[in-house]
ModelCIF file with pLDDT and N, C-alpha, C, O atoms, coordinates in Angstrom:
data_MODEL
#
_entry.id   MODEL 
#
_entity.id                         1 
_entity.type                       polymer 
_entity.pdbx_number_of_molecules   1 
#
_entity_poly.entity_id                      1 
_entity_poly.type                           'polypeptide(L)' 
_entity_poly.nstd_linkage                   no 
_entity_poly.nstd_monomer                   no 
_entity_poly.pdbx_seq_one_letter_code       FVGTSGNHLGAFYISAAGSPFHAVAANGDVQALAVSGGVLYA 
_entity_poly.pdbx_seq_one_letter_code_can   FVGTSGNHLGAFYISAAGSPFHAVAANGDVQALAVSGGVLYA 
_entity_poly.pdbx_strand_id                 A 
#
loop_
_entity_poly_seq.entity_id 
_entity_poly_seq.num 
_entity_poly_seq.mon_id 
_entity_poly_seq.hetero 
1 1  PHE n 
1 2  VAL n 
1 3  GLY n 
1 4  THR n 
1 5  SER n 
1 6  GLY n 
1 7  ASN n 
1 8  HIS n 
1 9  LEU n 
1 10 GLY n 
1 11 ALA n 
1 12 PHE n 
1 13 TYR n 
1 14 ILE n 
1 15 SER n 
1 16 ALA n 
1 17 ALA n 
1 18 GLY n 
1 19 SER n 
1 20 PRO n 
1 21 PHE n 
1 22 HIS n 
1 23 ALA n 
1 24 VAL n 
1 25 ALA n 
1 26 ALA n 
1 27 ASN n 
1 28 GLY n 
1 29 ASP n 
1 30 VAL n 
1 31 GLN n 
1 32 ALA n 
1 33 LEU n 
1 34 ALA n 
1 35 VAL n 
1 36 SER n 
1 37 GLY n 
1 38 GLY n 
1 39 VAL n 
1 40 LEU n 
1 41 TYR n 
1 42 ALA n 
#
_struct_asym.id          A 
_struct_asym.entity_id   1 
#
loop_
_ma_qa_metric.id 
_ma_qa_metric.mode 
_ma_qa_metric.name 
_ma_qa_metric.software_group_id 
_ma_qa_metric.type 
1 global pLDDT . pLDDT 
2 local  pLDDT . pLDDT 
#
_ma_qa_metric_global.metric_id      1 
_ma_qa_metric_global.metric_value   91.86 
_ma_qa_metric_global.model_id       1 
_ma_qa_metric_global.ordinal_id     1 
#
loop_
_ma_qa_metric_local.label_asym_id 
_ma_qa_metric_local.label_comp_id 
_ma_qa_metric_local.label_seq_id 
_ma_qa_metric_local.metric_id 
_ma_qa_metric_local.metric_value 
_ma_qa_metric_local.model_id 
_ma_qa_metric_local.ordinal_id 
A PHE 1  2 97.00 1 1  
A VAL 2  2 97.00 1 2  
A GLY 3  2 98.00 1 3  
A THR 4  2 97.00 1 4  
A SER 5  2 96.00 1 5  
A GLY 6  2 93.00 1 6  
A ASN 7  2 95.00 1 7  
A HIS 8  2 95.00 1 8  
A LEU 9  2 96.00 1 9  
A GLY 10 2 95.00 1 10 
A ALA 11 2 94.00 1 11 
A PHE 12 2 94.00 1 12 
A TYR 13 2 93.00 1 13 
A ILE 14 2 94.00 1 14 
A SER 15 2 90.00 1 15 
A ALA 16 2 77.00 1 16 
A ALA 17 2 72.00 1 17 
A GLY 18 2 70.00 1 18 
A SER 19 2 71.00 1 19 
A PRO 20 2 68.00 1 20 
A PHE 21 2 73.00 1 21 
A HIS 22 2 79.00 1 22 
A ALA 23 2 90.00 1 23 
A VAL 24 2 96.00 1 24 
A ALA 25 2 96.00 1 25 
A ALA 26 2 97.00 1 26 
A ASN 27 2 96.00 1 27 
A GLY 28 2 97.00 1 28 
A ASP 29 2 97.00 1 29 
A VAL 30 2 98.00 1 30 
A GLN 31 2 98.00 1 31 
A ALA 32 2 98.00 1 32 
A LEU 33 2 98.00 1 33 
A ALA 34 2 98.00 1 34 
A VAL 35 2 97.00 1 35 
A SER 36 2 95.00 1 36 
A GLY 37 2 92.00 1 37 
A GLY 38 2 92.00 1 38 
A VAL 39 2 96.00 1 39 
A LEU 40 2 97.00 1 40 
A TYR 41 2 98.00 1 41 
A ALA 42 2 98.00 1 42 
#
loop_
_atom_site.group_PDB 
_atom_site.id 
_atom_site.type_symbol 
_atom_site.label_atom_id 
_atom_site.label_alt_id 
_atom_site.label_comp_id 
_atom_site.label_asym_id 
_atom_site.label_entity_id 
_atom_site.label_seq_id 
_atom_site.pdbx_PDB_ins_code 
_atom_site.Cartn_x 
_atom_site.Cartn_y 
_atom_site.Cartn_z 
_atom_site.occupancy 
_atom_site.B_iso_or_equiv 
_atom_site.pdbx_formal_charge 
_atom_site.auth_seq_id 
_atom_site.auth_comp_id 
_atom_site.auth_asym_id 
_atom_site.auth_atom_id 
_atom_site.pdbx_PDB_model_num 
ATOM 1   N N  . PHE A 1 1  ? 41.310 -4.853  31.441 1.00 97.00 ? 1  PHE A N  1 
ATOM 2   C CA . PHE A 1 1  ? 40.235 -5.839  31.460 1.00 97.00 ? 1  PHE A CA 1 
ATOM 3   C C  . PHE A 1 1  ? 39.939 -6.250  32.912 1.00 97.00 ? 1  PHE A C  1 
ATOM 4   O O  . PHE A 1 1  ? 40.867 -6.432  33.699 1.00 97.00 ? 1  PHE A O  1 
ATOM 5   N N  . VAL A 1 2  ? 38.666 -6.395  33.270 1.00 97.00 ? 2  VAL A N  1 
ATOM 6   C CA . VAL A 1 2  ? 38.306 -6.767  34.652 1.00 97.00 ? 2  VAL A CA 1 
ATOM 7   C C  . VAL A 1 2  ? 37.288 -7.921  34.592 1.00 97.00 ? 2  VAL A C  1 
ATOM 8   O O  . VAL A 1 2  ? 36.430 -7.991  33.712 1.00 97.00 ? 2  VAL A O  1 
ATOM 9   N N  . GLY A 1 3  ? 37.434 -8.826  35.584 1.00 98.00 ? 3  GLY A N  1 
ATOM 10  C CA . GLY A 1 3  ? 36.417 -9.865  35.776 1.00 98.00 ? 3  GLY A CA 1 
ATOM 11  C C  . GLY A 1 3  ? 35.571 -9.508  36.990 1.00 98.00 ? 3  GLY A C  1 
ATOM 12  O O  . GLY A 1 3  ? 36.099 -9.121  38.032 1.00 98.00 ? 3  GLY A O  1 
ATOM 13  N N  . THR A 1 4  ? 34.307 -9.633  36.856 1.00 97.00 ? 4  THR A N  1 
ATOM 14  C CA . THR A 1 4  ? 33.423 -9.093  37.914 1.00 97.00 ? 4  THR A CA 1 
ATOM 15  C C  . THR A 1 4  ? 32.481 -10.144 38.517 1.00 97.00 ? 4  THR A C  1 
ATOM 16  O O  . THR A 1 4  ? 32.231 -11.202 37.938 1.00 97.00 ? 4  THR A O  1 
ATOM 17  N N  . SER A 1 5  ? 31.970 -9.801  39.708 1.00 96.00 ? 5  SER A N  1 
ATOM 18  C CA . SER A 1 5  ? 30.941 -10.642 40.313 1.00 96.00 ? 5  SER A CA 1 
ATOM 19  C C  . SER A 1 5  ? 29.559 -10.312 39.792 1.00 96.00 ? 5  SER A C  1 
ATOM 20  O O  . SER A 1 5  ? 28.571 -10.925 40.195 1.00 96.00 ? 5  SER A O  1 
ATOM 21  N N  . GLY A 1 6  ? 29.494 -9.354  38.906 1.00 93.00 ? 6  GLY A N  1 
ATOM 22  C CA . GLY A 1 6  ? 28.217 -9.005  38.288 1.00 93.00 ? 6  GLY A CA 1 
ATOM 23  C C  . GLY A 1 6  ? 27.949 -9.718  36.958 1.00 93.00 ? 6  GLY A C  1 
ATOM 24  O O  . GLY A 1 6  ? 27.179 -9.259  36.114 1.00 93.00 ? 6  GLY A O  1 
ATOM 25  N N  . ASN A 1 7  ? 28.638 -10.885 36.814 1.00 95.00 ? 7  ASN A N  1 
ATOM 26  C CA . ASN A 1 7  ? 28.415 -11.723 35.637 1.00 95.00 ? 7  ASN A CA 1 
ATOM 27  C C  . ASN A 1 7  ? 28.821 -11.029 34.306 1.00 95.00 ? 7  ASN A C  1 
ATOM 28  O O  . ASN A 1 7  ? 28.164 -11.171 33.275 1.00 95.00 ? 7  ASN A O  1 
ATOM 29  N N  . HIS A 1 8  ? 29.931 -10.277 34.391 1.00 95.00 ? 8  HIS A N  1 
ATOM 30  C CA . HIS A 1 8  ? 30.453 -9.597  33.224 1.00 95.00 ? 8  HIS A CA 1 
ATOM 31  C C  . HIS A 1 8  ? 31.985 -9.608  33.206 1.00 95.00 ? 8  HIS A C  1 
ATOM 32  O O  . HIS A 1 8  ? 32.644 -9.703  34.242 1.00 95.00 ? 8  HIS A O  1 
ATOM 33  N N  . LEU A 1 9  ? 32.513 -9.509  32.005 1.00 96.00 ? 9  LEU A N  1 
ATOM 34  C CA . LEU A 1 9  ? 33.902 -9.197  31.782 1.00 96.00 ? 9  LEU A CA 1 
ATOM 35  C C  . LEU A 1 9  ? 33.934 -7.806  31.180 1.00 96.00 ? 9  LEU A C  1 
ATOM 36  O O  . LEU A 1 9  ? 33.357 -7.595  30.114 1.00 96.00 ? 9  LEU A O  1 
ATOM 37  N N  . GLY A 1 10 ? 34.593 -6.838  31.830 1.00 95.00 ? 10 GLY A N  1 
ATOM 38  C CA . GLY A 1 10 ? 34.579 -5.484  31.360 1.00 95.00 ? 10 GLY A CA 1 
ATOM 39  C C  . GLY A 1 10 ? 35.917 -5.058  30.797 1.00 95.00 ? 10 GLY A C  1 
ATOM 40  O O  . GLY A 1 10 ? 36.939 -5.666  31.115 1.00 95.00 ? 10 GLY A O  1 
ATOM 41  N N  . ALA A 1 11 ? 35.935 -3.998  29.943 1.00 94.00 ? 11 ALA A N  1 
ATOM 42  C CA . ALA A 1 11 ? 37.170 -3.460  29.371 1.00 94.00 ? 11 ALA A CA 1 
ATOM 43  C C  . ALA A 1 11 ? 37.076 -1.987  29.334 1.00 94.00 ? 11 ALA A C  1 
ATOM 44  O O  . ALA A 1 11 ? 36.034 -1.418  29.008 1.00 94.00 ? 11 ALA A O  1 
ATOM 45  N N  . PHE A 1 12 ? 38.216 -1.334  29.684 1.00 94.00 ? 12 PHE A N  1 
ATOM 46  C CA . PHE A 1 12 ? 38.284 0.155   29.794 1.00 94.00 ? 12 PHE A CA 1 
ATOM 47  C C  . PHE A 1 12 ? 39.594 0.637   29.163 1.00 94.00 ? 12 PHE A C  1 
ATOM 48  O O  . PHE A 1 12 ? 40.650 0.040   29.375 1.00 94.00 ? 12 PHE A O  1 
ATOM 49  N N  . TYR A 1 13 ? 39.516 1.698   28.404 1.00 93.00 ? 13 TYR A N  1 
ATOM 50  C CA . TYR A 1 13 ? 40.749 2.337   27.931 1.00 93.00 ? 13 TYR A CA 1 
ATOM 51  C C  . TYR A 1 13 ? 41.546 2.815   29.177 1.00 93.00 ? 13 TYR A C  1 
ATOM 52  O O  . TYR A 1 13 ? 40.954 3.245   30.167 1.00 93.00 ? 13 TYR A O  1 
ATOM 53  N N  . ILE A 1 14 ? 42.864 2.734   29.111 1.00 94.00 ? 14 ILE A N  1 
ATOM 54  C CA . ILE A 1 14 ? 43.674 3.258   30.222 1.00 94.00 ? 14 ILE A CA 1 
ATOM 55  C C  . ILE A 1 14 ? 44.126 4.678   29.966 1.00 94.00 ? 14 ILE A C  1 
ATOM 56  O O  . ILE A 1 14 ? 44.997 5.192   30.667 1.00 94.00 ? 14 ILE A O  1 
ATOM 57  N N  . SER A 1 15 ? 43.525 5.334   28.939 1.00 90.00 ? 15 SER A N  1 
ATOM 58  C CA . SER A 1 15 ? 43.724 6.754   28.756 1.00 90.00 ? 15 SER A CA 1 
ATOM 59  C C  . SER A 1 15 ? 43.167 7.526   29.939 1.00 90.00 ? 15 SER A C  1 
ATOM 60  O O  . SER A 1 15 ? 42.477 6.979   30.798 1.00 90.00 ? 15 SER A O  1 
ATOM 61  N N  . ALA A 1 16 ? 43.487 8.815   29.957 1.00 77.00 ? 16 ALA A N  1 
ATOM 62  C CA . ALA A 1 16 ? 43.024 9.669   31.116 1.00 77.00 ? 16 ALA A CA 1 
ATOM 63  C C  . ALA A 1 16 ? 41.523 9.597   31.343 1.00 77.00 ? 16 ALA A C  1 
ATOM 64  O O  . ALA A 1 16 ? 41.056 9.647   32.481 1.00 77.00 ? 16 ALA A O  1 
ATOM 65  N N  . ALA A 1 17 ? 40.753 9.477   30.233 1.00 72.00 ? 17 ALA A N  1 
ATOM 66  C CA . ALA A 1 17 ? 39.292 9.499   30.421 1.00 72.00 ? 17 ALA A CA 1 
ATOM 67  C C  . ALA A 1 17 ? 38.773 8.210   30.998 1.00 72.00 ? 17 ALA A C  1 
ATOM 68  O O  . ALA A 1 17 ? 37.751 8.214   31.683 1.00 72.00 ? 17 ALA A O  1 
ATOM 69  N N  . GLY A 1 18 ? 39.467 7.068   30.734 1.00 70.00 ? 18 GLY A N  1 
ATOM 70  C CA . GLY A 1 18 ? 38.990 5.849   31.272 1.00 70.00 ? 18 GLY A CA 1 
ATOM 71  C C  . GLY A 1 18 ? 37.691 5.369   30.685 1.00 70.00 ? 18 GLY A C  1 
ATOM 72  O O  . GLY A 1 18 ? 36.941 4.680   31.376 1.00 70.00 ? 18 GLY A O  1 
ATOM 73  N N  . SER A 1 19 ? 37.385 5.692   29.455 1.00 71.00 ? 19 SER A N  1 
ATOM 74  C CA . SER A 1 19 ? 36.112 5.362   28.866 1.00 71.00 ? 19 SER A CA 1 
ATOM 75  C C  . SER A 1 19 ? 35.957 3.869   28.760 1.00 71.00 ? 19 SER A C  1 
ATOM 76  O O  . SER A 1 19 ? 36.930 3.156   28.513 1.00 71.00 ? 19 SER A O  1 
ATOM 77  N N  . PRO A 1 20 ? 34.722 3.376   28.948 1.00 68.00 ? 20 PRO A N  1 
ATOM 78  C CA . PRO A 1 20 ? 34.427 1.943   28.740 1.00 68.00 ? 20 PRO A CA 1 
ATOM 79  C C  . PRO A 1 20 ? 34.662 1.572   27.263 1.00 68.00 ? 20 PRO A C  1 
ATOM 80  O O  . PRO A 1 20 ? 34.356 2.356   26.365 1.00 68.00 ? 20 PRO A O  1 
ATOM 81  N N  . PHE A 1 21 ? 35.194 0.400   27.034 1.00 73.00 ? 21 PHE A N  1 
ATOM 82  C CA . PHE A 1 21 ? 35.459 -0.092  25.709 1.00 73.00 ? 21 PHE A CA 1 
ATOM 83  C C  . PHE A 1 21 ? 34.343 -1.114  25.332 1.00 73.00 ? 21 PHE A C  1 
ATOM 84  O O  . PHE A 1 21 ? 33.618 -0.914  24.358 1.00 73.00 ? 21 PHE A O  1 
ATOM 85  N N  . HIS A 1 22 ? 34.226 -2.182  26.105 1.00 79.00 ? 22 HIS A N  1 
ATOM 86  C CA . HIS A 1 22 ? 33.123 -3.069  25.954 1.00 79.00 ? 22 HIS A CA 1 
ATOM 87  C C  . HIS A 1 22 ? 32.910 -3.932  27.172 1.00 79.00 ? 22 HIS A C  1 
ATOM 88  O O  . HIS A 1 22 ? 33.770 -3.961  28.052 1.00 79.00 ? 22 HIS A O  1 
ATOM 89  N N  . ALA A 1 23 ? 31.811 -4.629  27.257 1.00 90.00 ? 23 ALA A N  1 
ATOM 90  C CA . ALA A 1 23 ? 31.516 -5.542  28.343 1.00 90.00 ? 23 ALA A CA 1 
ATOM 91  C C  . ALA A 1 23 ? 30.930 -6.796  27.696 1.00 90.00 ? 23 ALA A C  1 
ATOM 92  O O  . ALA A 1 23 ? 30.155 -6.724  26.742 1.00 90.00 ? 23 ALA A O  1 
ATOM 93  N N  . VAL A 1 24 ? 31.315 -7.920  28.229 1.00 96.00 ? 24 VAL A N  1 
ATOM 94  C CA . VAL A 1 24 ? 30.789 -9.231  27.760 1.00 96.00 ? 24 VAL A CA 1 
ATOM 95  C C  . VAL A 1 24 ? 30.021 -9.914  28.867 1.00 96.00 ? 24 VAL A C  1 
ATOM 96  O O  . VAL A 1 24 ? 30.546 -10.095 29.966 1.00 96.00 ? 24 VAL A O  1 
ATOM 97  N N  . ALA A 1 25 ? 28.819 -10.286 28.604 1.00 96.00 ? 25 ALA A N  1 
ATOM 98  C CA . ALA A 1 25 ? 27.958 -10.910 29.637 1.00 96.00 ? 25 ALA A CA 1 
ATOM 99  C C  . ALA A 1 25 ? 28.272 -12.364 29.853 1.00 96.00 ? 25 ALA A C  1 
ATOM 100 O O  . ALA A 1 25 ? 28.598 -13.070 28.898 1.00 96.00 ? 25 ALA A O  1 
ATOM 101 N N  . ALA A 1 26 ? 28.186 -12.826 31.056 1.00 97.00 ? 26 ALA A N  1 
ATOM 102 C CA . ALA A 1 26 ? 28.284 -14.259 31.408 1.00 97.00 ? 26 ALA A CA 1 
ATOM 103 C C  . ALA A 1 26 ? 27.157 -14.620 32.305 1.00 97.00 ? 26 ALA A C  1 
ATOM 104 O O  . ALA A 1 26 ? 26.391 -13.734 32.681 1.00 97.00 ? 26 ALA A O  1 
ATOM 105 N N  . ASN A 1 27 ? 26.995 -15.875 32.684 1.00 96.00 ? 27 ASN A N  1 
ATOM 106 C CA . ASN A 1 27 ? 25.932 -16.224 33.660 1.00 96.00 ? 27 ASN A CA 1 
ATOM 107 C C  . ASN A 1 27 ? 26.536 -16.651 35.021 1.00 96.00 ? 27 ASN A C  1 
ATOM 108 O O  . ASN A 1 27 ? 25.923 -17.397 35.784 1.00 96.00 ? 27 ASN A O  1 
ATOM 109 N N  . GLY A 1 28 ? 27.734 -16.163 35.287 1.00 97.00 ? 28 GLY A N  1 
ATOM 110 C CA . GLY A 1 28 ? 28.405 -16.364 36.578 1.00 97.00 ? 28 GLY A CA 1 
ATOM 111 C C  . GLY A 1 28 ? 29.617 -15.463 36.673 1.00 97.00 ? 28 GLY A C  1 
ATOM 112 O O  . GLY A 1 28 ? 29.950 -14.750 35.726 1.00 97.00 ? 28 GLY A O  1 
ATOM 113 N N  . ASP A 1 29 ? 30.278 -15.497 37.826 1.00 97.00 ? 29 ASP A N  1 
ATOM 114 C CA . ASP A 1 29 ? 31.401 -14.591 38.037 1.00 97.00 ? 29 ASP A CA 1 
ATOM 115 C C  . ASP A 1 29 ? 32.595 -14.898 37.103 1.00 97.00 ? 29 ASP A C  1 
ATOM 116 O O  . ASP A 1 29 ? 32.887 -16.055 36.801 1.00 97.00 ? 29 ASP A O  1 
ATOM 117 N N  . VAL A 1 30 ? 33.256 -13.849 36.670 1.00 98.00 ? 30 VAL A N  1 
ATOM 118 C CA . VAL A 1 30 ? 34.537 -13.976 35.995 1.00 98.00 ? 30 VAL A CA 1 
ATOM 119 C C  . VAL A 1 30 ? 35.645 -13.610 37.022 1.00 98.00 ? 30 VAL A C  1 
ATOM 120 O O  . VAL A 1 30 ? 35.735 -12.466 37.469 1.00 98.00 ? 30 VAL A O  1 
ATOM 121 N N  . GLN A 1 31 ? 36.469 -14.592 37.374 1.00 98.00 ? 31 GLN A N  1 
ATOM 122 C CA . GLN A 1 31 ? 37.325 -14.468 38.594 1.00 98.00 ? 31 GLN A CA 1 
ATOM 123 C C  . GLN A 1 31 ? 38.831 -14.375 38.287 1.00 98.00 ? 31 GLN A C  1 
ATOM 124 O O  . GLN A 1 31 ? 39.586 -13.911 39.141 1.00 98.00 ? 31 GLN A O  1 
ATOM 125 N N  . ALA A 1 32 ? 39.290 -14.798 37.104 1.00 98.00 ? 32 ALA A N  1 
ATOM 126 C CA . ALA A 1 32 ? 40.685 -14.827 36.781 1.00 98.00 ? 32 ALA A CA 1 
ATOM 127 C C  . ALA A 1 32 ? 40.905 -14.514 35.295 1.00 98.00 ? 32 ALA A C  1 
ATOM 128 O O  . ALA A 1 32 ? 40.143 -14.968 34.442 1.00 98.00 ? 32 ALA A O  1 
ATOM 129 N N  . LEU A 1 33 ? 41.946 -13.739 34.996 1.00 98.00 ? 33 LEU A N  1 
ATOM 130 C CA . LEU A 1 33 ? 42.209 -13.283 33.626 1.00 98.00 ? 33 LEU A CA 1 
ATOM 131 C C  . LEU A 1 33 ? 43.661 -13.456 33.307 1.00 98.00 ? 33 LEU A C  1 
ATOM 132 O O  . LEU A 1 33 ? 44.508 -13.391 34.197 1.00 98.00 ? 33 LEU A O  1 
ATOM 133 N N  . ALA A 1 34 ? 43.970 -13.679 32.020 1.00 98.00 ? 34 ALA A N  1 
ATOM 134 C CA . ALA A 1 34 ? 45.342 -13.662 31.501 1.00 98.00 ? 34 ALA A CA 1 
ATOM 135 C C  . ALA A 1 34 ? 45.250 -13.282 30.023 1.00 98.00 ? 34 ALA A C  1 
ATOM 136 O O  . ALA A 1 34 ? 44.241 -13.525 29.361 1.00 98.00 ? 34 ALA A O  1 
ATOM 137 N N  . VAL A 1 35 ? 46.330 -12.681 29.528 1.00 97.00 ? 35 VAL A N  1 
ATOM 138 C CA . VAL A 1 35 ? 46.408 -12.335 28.131 1.00 97.00 ? 35 VAL A CA 1 
ATOM 139 C C  . VAL A 1 35 ? 47.652 -12.847 27.501 1.00 97.00 ? 35 VAL A C  1 
ATOM 140 O O  . VAL A 1 35 ? 48.707 -12.875 28.134 1.00 97.00 ? 35 VAL A O  1 
ATOM 141 N N  . SER A 1 36 ? 47.554 -13.273 26.213 1.00 95.00 ? 36 SER A N  1 
ATOM 142 C CA . SER A 1 36 ? 48.660 -13.702 25.468 1.00 95.00 ? 36 SER A CA 1 
ATOM 143 C C  . SER A 1 36 ? 48.323 -13.633 23.974 1.00 95.00 ? 36 SER A C  1 
ATOM 144 O O  . SER A 1 36 ? 47.302 -14.161 23.533 1.00 95.00 ? 36 SER A O  1 
ATOM 145 N N  . GLY A 1 37 ? 49.196 -12.975 23.204 1.00 92.00 ? 37 GLY A N  1 
ATOM 146 C CA . GLY A 1 37 ? 49.002 -12.915 21.754 1.00 92.00 ? 37 GLY A CA 1 
ATOM 147 C C  . GLY A 1 37 ? 47.706 -12.275 21.313 1.00 92.00 ? 37 GLY A C  1 
ATOM 148 O O  . GLY A 1 37 ? 47.127 -12.694 20.311 1.00 92.00 ? 37 GLY A O  1 
ATOM 149 N N  . GLY A 1 38 ? 47.236 -11.281 22.025 1.00 92.00 ? 38 GLY A N  1 
ATOM 150 C CA . GLY A 1 38 ? 45.960 -10.633 21.630 1.00 92.00 ? 38 GLY A CA 1 
ATOM 151 C C  . GLY A 1 38 ? 44.726 -11.380 22.026 1.00 92.00 ? 38 GLY A C  1 
ATOM 152 O O  . GLY A 1 38 ? 43.620 -10.983 21.660 1.00 92.00 ? 38 GLY A O  1 
ATOM 153 N N  . VAL A 1 39 ? 44.888 -12.490 22.791 1.00 96.00 ? 39 VAL A N  1 
ATOM 154 C CA . VAL A 1 39 ? 43.759 -13.277 23.237 1.00 96.00 ? 39 VAL A CA 1 
ATOM 155 C C  . VAL A 1 39 ? 43.625 -13.105 24.742 1.00 96.00 ? 39 VAL A C  1 
ATOM 156 O O  . VAL A 1 39 ? 44.611 -13.163 25.477 1.00 96.00 ? 39 VAL A O  1 
ATOM 157 N N  . LEU A 1 40 ? 42.387 -12.891 25.193 1.00 97.00 ? 40 LEU A N  1 
ATOM 158 C CA . LEU A 1 40 ? 42.089 -12.733 26.604 1.00 97.00 ? 40 LEU A CA 1 
ATOM 159 C C  . LEU A 1 40 ? 41.470 -14.046 27.093 1.00 97.00 ? 40 LEU A C  1 
ATOM 160 O O  . LEU A 1 40 ? 40.458 -14.492 26.552 1.00 97.00 ? 40 LEU A O  1 
ATOM 161 N N  . TYR A 1 41 ? 42.072 -14.666 28.112 1.00 98.00 ? 41 TYR A N  1 
ATOM 162 C CA . TYR A 1 41 ? 41.554 -15.884 28.716 1.00 98.00 ? 41 TYR A CA 1 
ATOM 163 C C  . TYR A 1 41 ? 40.857 -15.531 30.001 1.00 98.00 ? 41 TYR A C  1 
ATOM 164 O O  . TYR A 1 41 ? 41.404 -14.823 30.846 1.00 98.00 ? 41 TYR A O  1 
ATOM 165 N N  . ALA A 1 42 ? 39.635 -16.032 30.149 1.00 98.00 ? 42 ALA A N  1 
ATOM 166 C CA . ALA A 1 42 ? 38.775 -15.701 31.303 1.00 98.00 ? 42 ALA A CA 1 
ATOM 167 C C  . ALA A 1 42 ? 38.339 -16.955 31.963 1.00 98.00 ? 42 ALA A C  1 
ATOM 168 O O  . ALA A 1 42 ? 37.610 -16.909 32.954 1.00 98.00 ? 42 ALA A O  1 
#
């Protein structure tokens, strides 16, 4: 999972292909991330 300056939170499989999984739009930068119990905090 990545937080971007392009007003998105992105997700990519870590398999060899690195395919995109999904992206979530925001109206500002996503700058910090943490995960716990299957929940992603942005």
